[in-house]
Amino acid sequence: MFLDVFFPTVFSLLFPLVFVLVVGSFLAVIIRGVRTWSRNNASPRLTVSAQVVTKRSHVSRHHSQHGAPRSRTSYYVTFQVESGDRLELPLSGPAYGMLAEGDRGSLTFQGTRYLGFQRE
């Protein structure tokens, strides 16, 4: 008797709460992505003298619906400009592979968007 009353009440309270949390998280990710994209588009394109200080990659693993493990690799490079400031930018795999630590040249970027690097 107690269970007949307890479970429907708990379910009717938890289901909407979980639904709102999932949808809210999904919207927050979309809004954050649009905000970053918009901020980058509003930033000027800059070309500065820079040196590749360090490179790093981050591998994230997750399981697909069929249980097969999948992974995704993100690539980042830290550049140091003439003023001594450092800037870490995300890069594609091919662009990451073309750079080596210690390379000097002209870095072109817009906000947090990497546009290119020309070695001296």
PDB file of N, CA and C in Angstrom:
ATOM      1  N   MET A   1       0.830  -1.180   0.000  1.00  0.00           N
ATOM      2  CA  MET A   1       0.000   0.000   0.000  1.00  0.00           C
ATOM      3  C   MET A   1       0.883   1.255   0.000  1.00  0.00           C
ATOM      4  N   PHE A   2       1.878   1.267   0.884  1.00  0.00           N
ATOM      5  CA  PHE A   2       2.775   2.420   0.959  1.00  0.00           C
ATOM      6  C   PHE A   2       3.501   2.623  -0.369  1.00  0.00           C
ATOM      7  N   LEU A   3       3.975   1.520  -0.985  1.00  0.00           N
ATOM      8  CA  LEU A   3       4.705   1.614  -2.239  1.00  0.00           C
ATOM      9  C   LEU A   3       3.816   2.103  -3.375  1.00  0.00           C
ATOM     10  N   ASP A   4       2.555   1.743  -3.359  1.00  0.00           N
ATOM     11  CA  ASP A   4       1.637   2.196  -4.397  1.00  0.00           C
ATOM     12  C   ASP A   4       1.481   3.713  -4.392  1.00  0.00           C
ATOM     13  N   VAL A   5       1.650   4.340  -3.240  1.00  0.00           N
ATOM     14  CA  VAL A   5       1.533   5.792  -3.130  1.00  0.00           C
ATOM     15  C   VAL A   5       2.886   6.460  -3.307  1.00  0.00           C
ATOM     16  N   PHE A   6       3.943   5.821  -2.769  1.00  0.00           N
ATOM     17  CA  PHE A   6       5.276   6.424  -2.760  1.00  0.00           C
ATOM     18  C   PHE A   6       5.882   6.557  -4.160  1.00  0.00           C
ATOM     19  N   PHE A   7       5.936   5.476  -4.942  1.00  0.00           N
ATOM     20  CA  PHE A   7       6.605   5.501  -6.245  1.00  0.00           C
ATOM     21  C   PHE A   7       5.961   6.451  -7.248  1.00  0.00           C
ATOM     22  N   PRO A   8       4.648   6.464  -7.404  1.00  0.00           N
ATOM     23  CA  PRO A   8       4.068   7.441  -8.345  1.00  0.00           C
ATOM     24  C   PRO A   8       4.355   8.889  -7.935  1.00  0.00           C
ATOM     25  N   THR A   9       4.388   9.161  -6.638  1.00  0.00           N
ATOM     26  CA  THR A   9       4.659  10.513  -6.169  1.00  0.00           C
ATOM     27  C   THR A   9       6.099  10.909  -6.449  1.00  0.00           C
ATOM     28  N   VAL A  10       7.042  10.023  -6.168  1.00  0.00           N
ATOM     29  CA  VAL A  10       8.454  10.301  -6.403  1.00  0.00           C
ATOM     30  C   VAL A  10       8.706  10.470  -7.905  1.00  0.00           C
ATOM     31  N   PHE A  11       8.128   9.585  -8.712  1.00  0.00           N
ATOM     32  CA  PHE A  11       8.317   9.673 -10.160  1.00  0.00           C
ATOM     33  C   PHE A  11       7.738  10.976 -10.706  1.00  0.00           C
ATOM     34  N   SER A  12       6.588  11.360 -10.240  1.00  0.00           N
ATOM     35  CA  SER A  12       5.956  12.581 -10.756  1.00  0.00           C
ATOM     36  C   SER A  12       6.742  13.827 -10.349  1.00  0.00           C
ATOM     37  N   LEU A  13       7.552  13.735  -9.310  1.00  0.00           N
ATOM     38  CA  LEU A  13       8.392  14.867  -8.911  1.00  0.00           C
ATOM     39  C   LEU A  13       9.763  14.837  -9.594  1.00  0.00           C
ATOM     40  N   LEU A  14      10.363  13.661  -9.699  1.00  0.00           N
ATOM     41  CA  LEU A  14      11.714  13.555 -10.234  1.00  0.00           C
ATOM     42  C   LEU A  14      11.781  13.673 -11.754  1.00  0.00           C
ATOM     43  N   PHE A  15      10.807  13.121 -12.460  1.00  0.00           N
ATOM     44  CA  PHE A  15      10.857  13.153 -13.922  1.00  0.00           C
ATOM     45  C   PHE A  15      10.917  14.582 -14.459  1.00  0.00           C
ATOM     46  N   PRO A  16      10.041  15.480 -14.050  1.00  0.00           N
ATOM     47  CA  PRO A  16      10.153  16.853 -14.567  1.00  0.00           C
ATOM     48  C   PRO A  16      11.464  17.532 -14.171  1.00  0.00           C
ATOM     49  N   LEU A  17      11.952  17.243 -12.967  1.00  0.00           N
ATOM     50  CA  LEU A  17      13.206  17.845 -12.501  1.00  0.00           C
ATOM     51  C   LEU A  17      14.381  17.391 -13.368  1.00  0.00           C
ATOM     52  N   VAL A  18      14.477  16.110 -13.618  1.00  0.00           N
ATOM     53  CA  VAL A  18      15.562  15.578 -14.450  1.00  0.00           C
ATOM     54  C   VAL A  18      15.430  16.112 -15.876  1.00  0.00           C
ATOM     55  N   PHE A  19      14.220  16.165 -16.404  1.00  0.00           N
ATOM     56  CA  PHE A  19      13.990  16.690 -17.749  1.00  0.00           C
ATOM     57  C   PHE A  19      14.462  18.139 -17.860  1.00  0.00           C
ATOM     58  N   VAL A  20      14.129  18.959 -16.894  1.00  0.00           N
ATOM     59  CA  VAL A  20      14.537  20.365 -16.897  1.00  0.00           C
ATOM     60  C   VAL A  20      16.057  20.479 -16.793  1.00  0.00           C
ATOM     61  N   LEU A  21      16.698  19.657 -15.971  1.00  0.00           N
ATOM     62  CA  LEU A  21      18.150  19.691 -15.847  1.00  0.00           C
ATOM     63  C   LEU A  21      18.846  19.291 -17.148  1.00  0.00           C
ATOM     64  N   VAL A  22      18.367  18.272 -17.811  1.00  0.00           N
ATOM     65  CA  VAL A  22      18.977  17.820 -19.064  1.00  0.00           C
ATOM     66  C   VAL A  22      18.797  18.880 -20.150  1.00  0.00           C
ATOM     67  N   VAL A  23      17.587  19.381 -20.308  1.00  0.00           N
ATOM     68  CA  VAL A  23      17.333  20.408 -21.325  1.00  0.00           C
ATOM     69  C   VAL A  23      18.110  21.682 -21.001  1.00  0.00           C
ATOM     70  N   GLY A  24      18.171  22.060 -19.727  1.00  0.00           N
ATOM     71  CA  GLY A  24      18.924  23.243 -19.316  1.00  0.00           C
ATOM     72  C   GLY A  24      20.403  23.097 -19.607  1.00  0.00           C
ATOM     73  N   SER A  25      20.972  21.936 -19.358  1.00  0.00           N
ATOM     74  CA  SER A  25      22.387  21.702 -19.652  1.00  0.00           C
ATOM     75  C   SER A  25      22.648  21.774 -21.150  1.00  0.00           C
ATOM     76  N   PHE A  26      21.761  21.192 -21.930  1.00  0.00           N
ATOM     77  CA  PHE A  26      21.884  21.226 -23.383  1.00  0.00           C
ATOM     78  C   PHE A  26      21.839  22.668 -23.893  1.00  0.00           C
ATOM     79  N   LEU A  27      20.916  23.453 -23.399  1.00  0.00           N
ATOM     80  CA  LEU A  27      20.815  24.860 -23.811  1.00  0.00           C
ATOM     81  C   LEU A  27      22.035  25.668 -23.378  1.00  0.00           C
ATOM     82  N   ALA A  28      22.567  25.388 -22.198  1.00  0.00           N
ATOM     83  CA  ALA A  28      23.745  26.112 -21.712  1.00  0.00           C
ATOM     84  C   ALA A  28      24.947  25.864 -22.624  1.00  0.00           C
ATOM     85  N   VAL A  29      25.123  24.634 -23.080  1.00  0.00           N
ATOM     86  CA  VAL A  29      26.233  24.317 -23.987  1.00  0.00           C
ATOM     87  C   VAL A  29      26.056  25.052 -25.315  1.00  0.00           C
ATOM     88  N   ILE A  30      24.852  25.065 -25.833  1.00  0.00           N
ATOM     89  CA  ILE A  30      24.588  25.763 -27.097  1.00  0.00           C
ATOM     90  C   ILE A  30      24.830  27.261 -26.947  1.00  0.00           C
ATOM     91  N   ILE A  31      24.330  27.846 -25.883  1.00  0.00           N
ATOM     92  CA  ILE A  31      24.500  29.288 -25.658  1.00  0.00           C
ATOM     93  C   ILE A  31      25.975  29.640 -25.508  1.00  0.00           C
ATOM     94  N   ARG A  32      26.729  28.823 -24.775  1.00  0.00           N
ATOM     95  CA  ARG A  32      28.163  29.080 -24.593  1.00  0.00           C
ATOM     96  C   ARG A  32      28.895  29.020 -25.937  1.00  0.00           C
ATOM     97  N   GLY A  33      28.551  28.053 -26.782  1.00  0.00           N
ATOM     98  CA  GLY A  33      29.181  27.932 -28.091  1.00  0.00           C
ATOM     99  C   GLY A  33      28.860  29.112 -29.001  1.00  0.00           C
ATOM    100  N   VAL A  34      27.611  29.541 -29.000  1.00  0.00           N
ATOM    101  CA  VAL A  34      27.217  30.687 -29.823  1.00  0.00           C
ATOM    102  C   VAL A  34      27.895  31.957 -29.323  1.00  0.00           C
ATOM    103  N   ARG A  35      28.002  32.108 -28.015  1.00  0.00           N
ATOM    104  CA  ARG A  35      28.660  33.286 -27.440  1.00  0.00           C
ATOM    105  C   ARG A  35      30.139  33.340 -27.842  1.00  0.00           C
ATOM    106  N   THR A  36      30.837  32.205 -27.769  1.00  0.00           N
ATOM    107  CA  THR A  36      32.251  32.158 -28.158  1.00  0.00           C
ATOM    108  C   THR A  36      32.404  32.448 -29.650  1.00  0.00           C
ATOM    109  N   TRP A  37      31.559  31.851 -30.477  1.00  0.00           N
ATOM    110  CA  TRP A  37      31.599  32.077 -31.913  1.00  0.00           C
ATOM    111  C   TRP A  37      31.381  33.558 -32.229  1.00  0.00           C
ATOM    112  N   SER A  38      30.392  34.158 -31.580  1.00  0.00           N
ATOM    113  CA  SER A  38      30.080  35.569 -31.800  1.00  0.00           C
ATOM    114  C   SER A  38      31.227  36.474 -31.345  1.00  0.00           C
ATOM    115  N   ARG A  39      31.800  36.171 -30.186  1.00  0.00           N
ATOM    116  CA  ARG A  39      32.915  36.957 -29.654  1.00  0.00           C
ATOM    117  C   ARG A  39      34.130  36.867 -30.589  1.00  0.00           C
ATOM    118  N   ASN A  40      34.399  35.675 -31.118  1.00  0.00           N
ATOM    119  CA  ASN A  40      35.513  35.523 -32.059  1.00  0.00           C
ATOM    120  C   ASN A  40      35.264  36.315 -33.342  1.00  0.00           C
ATOM    121  N   ASN A  41      34.042  36.282 -33.855  1.00  0.00           N
ATOM    122  CA  ASN A  41      33.727  37.026 -35.071  1.00  0.00           C
ATOM    123  C   ASN A  41      33.857  38.526 -34.862  1.00  0.00           C
ATOM    124  N   ALA A  42      33.584  39.013 -33.654  1.00  0.00           N
ATOM    125  CA  ALA A  42      33.677  40.445 -33.363  1.00  0.00           C
ATOM    126  C   ALA A  42      35.119  40.884 -33.099  1.00  0.00           C
ATOM    127  N   SER A  43      36.016  39.945 -32.854  1.00  0.00           N
ATOM    128  CA  SER A  43      37.417  40.272 -32.566  1.00  0.00           C
ATOM    129  C   SER A  43      38.159  40.579 -33.863  1.00  0.00           C
ATOM    130  N   PRO A  44      39.173  41.444 -33.775  1.00  0.00           N
ATOM    131  CA  PRO A  44      39.960  41.735 -34.977  1.00  0.00           C
ATOM    132  C   PRO A  44      40.888  40.561 -35.311  1.00  0.00           C
ATOM    133  N   ARG A  45      41.206  40.417 -36.585  1.00  0.00           N
ATOM    134  CA  ARG A  45      42.205  39.426 -37.003  1.00  0.00           C
ATOM    135  C   ARG A  45      43.568  40.043 -36.759  1.00  0.00           C
ATOM    136  N   LEU A  46      44.383  39.351 -35.985  1.00  0.00           N
ATOM    137  CA  LEU A  46      45.701  39.867 -35.638  1.00  0.00           C
ATOM    138  C   LEU A  46      46.792  38.941 -36.176  1.00  0.00           C
ATOM    139  N   THR A  47      47.876  39.531 -36.610  1.00  0.00           N
ATOM    140  CA  THR A  47      49.069  38.778 -36.987  1.00  0.00           C
ATOM    141  C   THR A  47      50.219  39.339 -36.161  1.00  0.00           C
ATOM    142  N   VAL A  48      50.822  38.483 -35.345  1.00  0.00           N
ATOM    143  CA  VAL A  48      51.885  38.910 -34.434  1.00  0.00           C
ATOM    144  C   VAL A  48      53.053  37.936 -34.539  1.00  0.00           C
ATOM    145  N   SER A  49      54.245  38.422 -34.181  1.00  0.00           N
ATOM    146  CA  SER A  49      55.411  37.543 -34.091  1.00  0.00           C
ATOM    147  C   SER A  49      55.250  36.681 -32.849  1.00  0.00           C
ATOM    148  N   ALA A  50      55.476  35.398 -32.988  1.00  0.00           N
ATOM    149  CA  ALA A  50      55.262  34.488 -31.857  1.00  0.00           C
ATOM    150  C   ALA A  50      56.185  33.289 -31.972  1.00  0.00           C
ATOM    151  N   GLN A  51      56.313  32.584 -30.850  1.00  0.00           N
ATOM    152  CA  GLN A  51      57.084  31.348 -30.788  1.00  0.00           C
ATOM    153  C   GLN A  51      56.192  30.261 -30.210  1.00  0.00           C
ATOM    154  N   VAL A  52      56.298  29.054 -30.773  1.00  0.00           N
ATOM    155  CA  VAL A  52      55.571  27.909 -30.232  1.00  0.00           C
ATOM    156  C   VAL A  52      56.288  27.481 -28.959  1.00  0.00           C
ATOM    157  N   VAL A  53      55.596  27.590 -27.821  1.00  0.00           N
ATOM    158  CA  VAL A  53      56.205  27.256 -26.540  1.00  0.00           C
ATOM    159  C   VAL A  53      55.971  25.791 -26.209  1.00  0.00           C
ATOM    160  N   THR A  54      54.733  25.349 -26.334  1.00  0.00           N
ATOM    161  CA  THR A  54      54.425  23.962 -25.993  1.00  0.00           C
ATOM    162  C   THR A  54      53.202  23.498 -26.762  1.00  0.00           C
ATOM    163  N   LYS A  55      53.105  22.184 -26.901  1.00  0.00           N
ATOM    164  CA  LYS A  55      51.966  21.554 -27.561  1.00  0.00           C
ATOM    165  C   LYS A  55      51.385  20.527 -26.595  1.00  0.00           C
ATOM    166  N   ARG A  56      50.072  20.379 -26.636  1.00  0.00           N
ATOM    167  CA  ARG A  56      49.451  19.332 -25.822  1.00  0.00           C
ATOM    168  C   ARG A  56      48.216  18.807 -26.525  1.00  0.00           C
ATOM    169  N   SER A  57      47.839  17.599 -26.157  1.00  0.00           N
ATOM    170  CA  SER A  57      46.617  17.015 -26.704  1.00  0.00           C
ATOM    171  C   SER A  57      45.817  16.435 -25.540  1.00  0.00           C
ATOM    172  N   HIS A  58      44.522  16.351 -25.735  1.00  0.00           N
ATOM    173  CA  HIS A  58      43.629  15.799 -24.714  1.00  0.00           C
ATOM    174  C   HIS A  58      42.747  14.761 -25.382  1.00  0.00           C
ATOM    175  N   VAL A  59      42.791  13.537 -24.875  1.00  0.00           N
ATOM    176  CA  VAL A  59      41.979  12.453 -25.422  1.00  0.00           C
ATOM    177  C   VAL A  59      40.808  12.216 -24.479  1.00  0.00           C
ATOM    178  N   SER A  60      39.594  12.310 -25.010  1.00  0.00           N
ATOM    179  CA  SER A  60      38.403  12.003 -24.209  1.00  0.00           C
ATOM    180  C   SER A  60      37.796  10.715 -24.763  1.00  0.00           C
ATOM    181  N   ARG A  61      37.416   9.843 -23.861  1.00  0.00           N
ATOM    182  CA  ARG A  61      36.860   8.556 -24.256  1.00  0.00           C
ATOM    183  C   ARG A  61      35.427   8.453 -23.771  1.00  0.00           C
ATOM    184  N   HIS A  62      34.596   7.829 -24.600  1.00  0.00           N
ATOM    185  CA  HIS A  62      33.219   7.563 -24.209  1.00  0.00           C
ATOM    186  C   HIS A  62      32.733   6.331 -24.971  1.00  0.00           C
ATOM    187  N   HIS A  63      31.602   5.813 -24.545  1.00  0.00           N
ATOM    188  CA  HIS A  63      31.043   4.627 -25.181  1.00  0.00           C
ATOM    189  C   HIS A  63      29.851   5.020 -26.036  1.00  0.00           C
ATOM    190  N   SER A  64      29.755   4.413 -27.206  1.00  0.00           N
ATOM    191  CA  SER A  64      28.630   4.689 -28.092  1.00  0.00           C
ATOM    192  C   SER A  64      27.422   3.880 -27.635  1.00  0.00           C
ATOM    193  N   GLN A  65      26.317   4.020 -28.335  1.00  0.00           N
ATOM    194  CA  GLN A  65      25.095   3.304 -27.982  1.00  0.00           C
ATOM    195  C   GLN A  65      25.273   1.797 -28.069  1.00  0.00           C
ATOM    196  N   HIS A  66      26.165   1.357 -28.927  1.00  0.00           N
ATOM    197  CA  HIS A  66      26.369  -0.077 -29.102  1.00  0.00           C
ATOM    198  C   HIS A  66      27.468  -0.617 -28.194  1.00  0.00           C
ATOM    199  N   GLY A  67      27.976   0.216 -27.293  1.00  0.00           N
ATOM    200  CA  GLY A  67      28.971  -0.222 -26.332  1.00  0.00           C
ATOM    201  C   GLY A  67      30.398  -0.148 -26.803  1.00  0.00           C
ATOM    202  N   ALA A  68      30.608   0.197 -28.065  1.00  0.00           N
ATOM    203  CA  ALA A  68      31.974   0.279 -28.582  1.00  0.00           C
ATOM    204  C   ALA A  68      32.626   1.560 -28.074  1.00  0.00           C
ATOM    205  N   PRO A  69      33.825   1.453 -27.527  1.00  0.00           N
ATOM    206  CA  PRO A  69      34.489   2.667 -27.037  1.00  0.00           C
ATOM    207  C   PRO A  69      34.902   3.570 -28.201  1.00  0.00           C
ATOM    208  N   ARG A  70      34.753   4.850 -28.009  1.00  0.00           N
ATOM    209  CA  ARG A  70      35.158   5.848 -28.991  1.00  0.00           C
ATOM    210  C   ARG A  70      36.021   6.875 -28.287  1.00  0.00           C
ATOM    211  N   SER A  71      36.873   7.515 -29.043  1.00  0.00           N
ATOM    212  CA  SER A  71      37.711   8.549 -28.449  1.00  0.00           C
ATOM    213  C   SER A  71      37.765   9.752 -29.384  1.00  0.00           C
ATOM    214  N   ARG A  72      38.071  10.885 -28.798  1.00  0.00           N
ATOM    215  CA  ARG A  72      38.210  12.128 -29.550  1.00  0.00           C
ATOM    216  C   ARG A  72      39.441  12.839 -29.009  1.00  0.00           C
ATOM    217  N   THR A  73      40.282  13.302 -29.904  1.00  0.00           N
ATOM    218  CA  THR A  73      41.491  14.001 -29.493  1.00  0.00           C
ATOM    219  C   THR A  73      41.370  15.482 -29.832  1.00  0.00           C
ATOM    220  N   SER A  74      41.625  16.330 -28.837  1.00  0.00           N
ATOM    221  CA  SER A  74      41.653  17.777 -29.031  1.00  0.00           C
ATOM    222  C   SER A  74      43.108  18.222 -28.946  1.00  0.00           C
ATOM    223  N   TYR A  75      43.483  19.164 -29.794  1.00  0.00           N
ATOM    224  CA  TYR A  75      44.868  19.620 -29.867  1.00  0.00           C
ATOM    225  C   TYR A  75      44.964  21.089 -29.485  1.00  0.00           C
ATOM    226  N   TYR A  76      45.999  21.428 -28.715  1.00  0.00           N
ATOM    227  CA  TYR A  76      46.223  22.800 -28.256  1.00  0.00           C
ATOM    228  C   TYR A  76      47.698  23.155 -28.392  1.00  0.00           C
ATOM    229  N   VAL A  77      47.952  24.415 -28.759  1.00  0.00           N
ATOM    230  CA  VAL A  77      49.327  24.913 -28.855  1.00  0.00           C
ATOM    231  C   VAL A  77      49.401  26.225 -28.093  1.00  0.00           C
ATOM    232  N   THR A  78      50.464  26.382 -27.294  1.00  0.00           N
ATOM    233  CA  THR A  78      50.703  27.628 -26.571  1.00  0.00           C
ATOM    234  C   THR A  78      51.757  28.427 -27.319  1.00  0.00           C
ATOM    235  N   PHE A  79      51.398  29.665 -27.642  1.00  0.00           N
ATOM    236  CA  PHE A  79      52.293  30.584 -28.335  1.00  0.00           C
ATOM    237  C   PHE A  79      52.712  31.684 -27.361  1.00  0.00           C
ATOM    238  N   GLN A  80      53.947  32.140 -27.491  1.00  0.00           N
ATOM    239  CA  GLN A  80      54.416  33.288 -26.714  1.00  0.00           C
ATOM    240  C   GLN A  80      54.721  34.412 -27.688  1.00  0.00           C
ATOM    241  N   VAL A  81      54.086  35.570 -27.446  1.00  0.00           N
ATOM    242  CA  VAL A  81      54.291  36.728 -28.322  1.00  0.00           C
ATOM    243  C   VAL A  81      55.442  37.567 -27.787  1.00  0.00           C
ATOM    244  N   GLU A  82      55.852  38.586 -28.553  1.00  0.00           N
ATOM    245  CA  GLU A  82      57.026  39.397 -28.203  1.00  0.00           C
ATOM    246  C   GLU A  82      56.909  40.058 -26.838  1.00  0.00           C
ATOM    247  N   SER A  83      55.697  40.416 -26.413  1.00  0.00           N
ATOM    248  CA  SER A  83      55.510  41.081 -25.117  1.00  0.00           C
ATOM    249  C   SER A  83      55.714  40.124 -23.943  1.00  0.00           C
ATOM    250  N   GLY A  84      55.802  38.826 -24.228  1.00  0.00           N
ATOM    251  CA  GLY A  84      55.957  37.832 -23.172  1.00  0.00           C
ATOM    252  C   GLY A  84      54.647  37.157 -22.793  1.00  0.00           C
ATOM    253  N   ASP A  85      53.528  37.672 -23.311  1.00  0.00           N
ATOM    254  CA  ASP A  85      52.226  37.055 -23.038  1.00  0.00           C
ATOM    255  C   ASP A  85      52.129  35.719 -23.757  1.00  0.00           C
ATOM    256  N   ARG A  86      51.393  34.803 -23.147  1.00  0.00           N
ATOM    257  CA  ARG A  86      51.189  33.489 -23.753  1.00  0.00           C
ATOM    258  C   ARG A  86      49.719  33.311 -24.100  1.00  0.00           C
ATOM    259  N   LEU A  87      49.488  32.587 -25.176  1.00  0.00           N
ATOM    260  CA  LEU A  87      48.144  32.382 -25.695  1.00  0.00           C
ATOM    261  C   LEU A  87      48.020  30.924 -26.116  1.00  0.00           C
ATOM    262  N   GLU A  88      47.057  30.215 -25.519  1.00  0.00           N
ATOM    263  CA  GLU A  88      46.830  28.826 -25.902  1.00  0.00           C
ATOM    264  C   GLU A  88      45.612  28.782 -26.819  1.00  0.00           C
ATOM    265  N   LEU A  89      45.790  28.160 -27.985  1.00  0.00           N
ATOM    266  CA  LEU A  89      44.724  28.091 -28.976  1.00  0.00           C
ATOM    267  C   LEU A  89      44.448  26.646 -29.359  1.00  0.00           C
ATOM    268  N   PRO A  90      43.181  26.314 -29.577  1.00  0.00           N
ATOM    269  CA  PRO A  90      42.862  24.976 -30.095  1.00  0.00           C
ATOM    270  C   PRO A  90      43.153  24.920 -31.589  1.00  0.00           C
ATOM    271  N   LEU A  91      43.676  23.792 -32.047  1.00  0.00           N
ATOM    272  CA  LEU A  91      44.021  23.606 -33.454  1.00  0.00           C
ATOM    273  C   LEU A  91      43.442  22.300 -33.961  1.00  0.00           C
ATOM    274  N   SER A  92      43.367  22.181 -35.285  1.00  0.00           N
ATOM    275  CA  SER A  92      42.991  20.911 -35.895  1.00  0.00           C
ATOM    276  C   SER A  92      44.207  19.981 -35.851  1.00  0.00           C
ATOM    277  N   GLY A  93      43.980  18.706 -36.052  1.00  0.00           N
ATOM    278  CA  GLY A  93      45.071  17.741 -36.043  1.00  0.00           C
ATOM    279  C   GLY A  93      46.158  18.040 -37.063  1.00  0.00           C
ATOM    280  N   PRO A  94      45.796  18.305 -38.338  1.00  0.00           N
ATOM    281  CA  PRO A  94      46.832  18.600 -39.327  1.00  0.00           C
ATOM    282  C   PRO A  94      47.650  19.853 -39.003  1.00  0.00           C
ATOM    283  N   ALA A  95      46.997  20.911 -38.510  1.00  0.00           N
ATOM    284  CA  ALA A  95      47.722  22.135 -38.155  1.00  0.00           C
ATOM    285  C   ALA A  95      48.651  21.873 -36.972  1.00  0.00           C
ATOM    286  N   TYR A  96      48.175  21.074 -36.013  1.00  0.00           N
ATOM    287  CA  TYR A  96      48.970  20.708 -34.837  1.00  0.00           C
ATOM    288  C   TYR A  96      50.230  19.962 -35.267  1.00  0.00           C
ATOM    289  N   GLY A  97      50.080  19.049 -36.219  1.00  0.00           N
ATOM    290  CA  GLY A  97      51.202  18.241 -36.675  1.00  0.00           C
ATOM    291  C   GLY A  97      52.266  19.034 -37.421  1.00  0.00           C
ATOM    292  N   MET A  98      51.897  20.175 -37.978  1.00  0.00           N
ATOM    293  CA  MET A  98      52.845  20.984 -38.743  1.00  0.00           C
ATOM    294  C   MET A  98      53.703  21.890 -37.864  1.00  0.00           C
ATOM    295  N   LEU A  99      53.383  21.976 -36.576  1.00  0.00           N
ATOM    296  CA  LEU A  99      54.120  22.855 -35.670  1.00  0.00           C
ATOM    297  C   LEU A  99      55.037  22.043 -34.766  1.00  0.00           C
ATOM    298  N   ALA A 100      56.172  22.641 -34.433  1.00  0.00           N
ATOM    299  CA  ALA A 100      57.103  22.023 -33.496  1.00  0.00           C
ATOM    300  C   ALA A 100      57.449  23.041 -32.422  1.00  0.00           C
ATOM    301  N   GLU A 101      57.687  22.550 -31.214  1.00  0.00           N
ATOM    302  CA  GLU A 101      58.092  23.451 -30.126  1.00  0.00           C
ATOM    303  C   GLU A 101      59.362  24.180 -30.537  1.00  0.00           C
ATOM    304  N   GLY A 102      59.382  25.490 -30.293  1.00  0.00           N
ATOM    305  CA  GLY A 102      60.526  26.304 -30.645  1.00  0.00           C
ATOM    306  C   GLY A 102      60.381  27.025 -31.974  1.00  0.00           C
ATOM    307  N   ASP A 103      59.384  26.646 -32.777  1.00  0.00           N
ATOM    308  CA  ASP A 103      59.170  27.345 -34.048  1.00  0.00           C
ATOM    309  C   ASP A 103      58.896  28.821 -33.797  1.00  0.00           C
ATOM    310  N   ARG A 104      59.465  29.668 -34.646  1.00  0.00           N
ATOM    311  CA  ARG A 104      59.215  31.114 -34.588  1.00  0.00           C
ATOM    312  C   ARG A 104      58.600  31.540 -35.910  1.00  0.00           C
ATOM    313  N   GLY A 105      57.709  32.528 -35.821  1.00  0.00           N
ATOM    314  CA  GLY A 105      57.092  33.009 -37.038  1.00  0.00           C
ATOM    315  C   GLY A 105      55.959  33.968 -36.746  1.00  0.00           C
ATOM    316  N   SER A 106      55.045  34.080 -37.687  1.00  0.00           N
ATOM    317  CA  SER A 106      53.904  34.987 -37.570  1.00  0.00           C
ATOM    318  C   SER A 106      52.641  34.182 -37.301  1.00  0.00           C
ATOM    319  N   LEU A 107      52.018  34.479 -36.176  1.00  0.00           N
ATOM    320  CA  LEU A 107      50.776  33.828 -35.769  1.00  0.00           C
ATOM    321  C   LEU A 107      49.613  34.723 -36.165  1.00  0.00           C
ATOM    322  N   THR A 108      48.632  34.137 -36.841  1.00  0.00           N
ATOM    323  CA  THR A 108      47.408  34.864 -37.180  1.00  0.00           C
ATOM    324  C   THR A 108      46.264  34.211 -36.428  1.00  0.00           C
ATOM    325  N   PHE A 109      45.511  35.035 -35.692  1.00  0.00           N
ATOM    326  CA  PHE A 109      44.392  34.520 -34.907  1.00  0.00           C
ATOM    327  C   PHE A 109      43.302  35.577 -34.804  1.00  0.00           C
ATOM    328  N   GLN A 110      42.119  35.132 -34.416  1.00  0.00           N
ATOM    329  CA  GLN A 110      40.972  36.018 -34.222  1.00  0.00           C
ATOM    330  C   GLN A 110      40.263  35.562 -32.959  1.00  0.00           C
ATOM    331  N   GLY A 111      40.419  36.320 -31.882  1.00  0.00           N
ATOM    332  CA  GLY A 111      39.859  35.907 -30.592  1.00  0.00           C
ATOM    333  C   GLY A 111      40.572  34.654 -30.113  1.00  0.00           C
ATOM    334  N   THR A 112      39.813  33.561 -29.976  1.00  0.00           N
ATOM    335  CA  THR A 112      40.417  32.283 -29.593  1.00  0.00           C
ATOM    336  C   THR A 112      40.486  31.335 -30.784  1.00  0.00           C
ATOM    337  N   ARG A 113      40.330  31.860 -31.984  1.00  0.00           N
ATOM    338  CA  ARG A 113      40.324  31.060 -33.210  1.00  0.00           C
ATOM    339  C   ARG A 113      41.688  31.153 -33.897  1.00  0.00           C
ATOM    340  N   TYR A 114      42.335  30.008 -34.049  1.00  0.00           N
ATOM    341  CA  TYR A 114      43.629  29.921 -34.752  1.00  0.00           C
ATOM    342  C   TYR A 114      43.371  30.019 -36.242  1.00  0.00           C
ATOM    343  N   LEU A 115      44.099  30.909 -36.918  1.00  0.00           N
ATOM    344  CA  LEU A 115      43.935  31.086 -38.360  1.00  0.00           C
ATOM    345  C   LEU A 115      45.153  30.642 -39.160  1.00  0.00           C
ATOM    346  N   GLY A 116      46.332  30.631 -38.529  1.00  0.00           N
ATOM    347  CA  GLY A 116      47.499  30.168 -39.254  1.00  0.00           C
ATOM    348  C   GLY A 116      48.799  30.573 -38.582  1.00  0.00           C
ATOM    349  N   PHE A 117      49.874  29.946 -39.025  1.00  0.00           N
ATOM    350  CA  PHE A 117      51.201  30.241 -38.509  1.00  0.00           C
ATOM    351  C   PHE A 117      52.185  30.098 -39.664  1.00  0.00           C
ATOM    352  N   GLN A 118      52.953  31.148 -39.920  1.00  0.00           N
ATOM    353  CA  GLN A 118      53.978  31.128 -40.968  1.00  0.00           C
ATOM    354  C   GLN A 118      55.349  31.159 -40.302  1.00  0.00           C
ATOM    355  N   ARG A 119      56.118  30.083 -40.512  1.00  0.00           N
ATOM    356  CA  ARG A 119      57.465  30.036 -39.959  1.00  0.00           C
ATOM    357  C   ARG A 119      58.355  31.081 -40.607  1.00  0.00           C
ATOM    358  N   GLU A 120      59.329  31.568 -39.833  1.00  0.00           N
ATOM    359  CA  GLU A 120      60.310  32.520 -40.379  1.00  0.00           C
ATOM    360  C   GLU A 120      61.317  31.781 -41.226  1.00  0.00           C
TER     361      GLU A 120
END
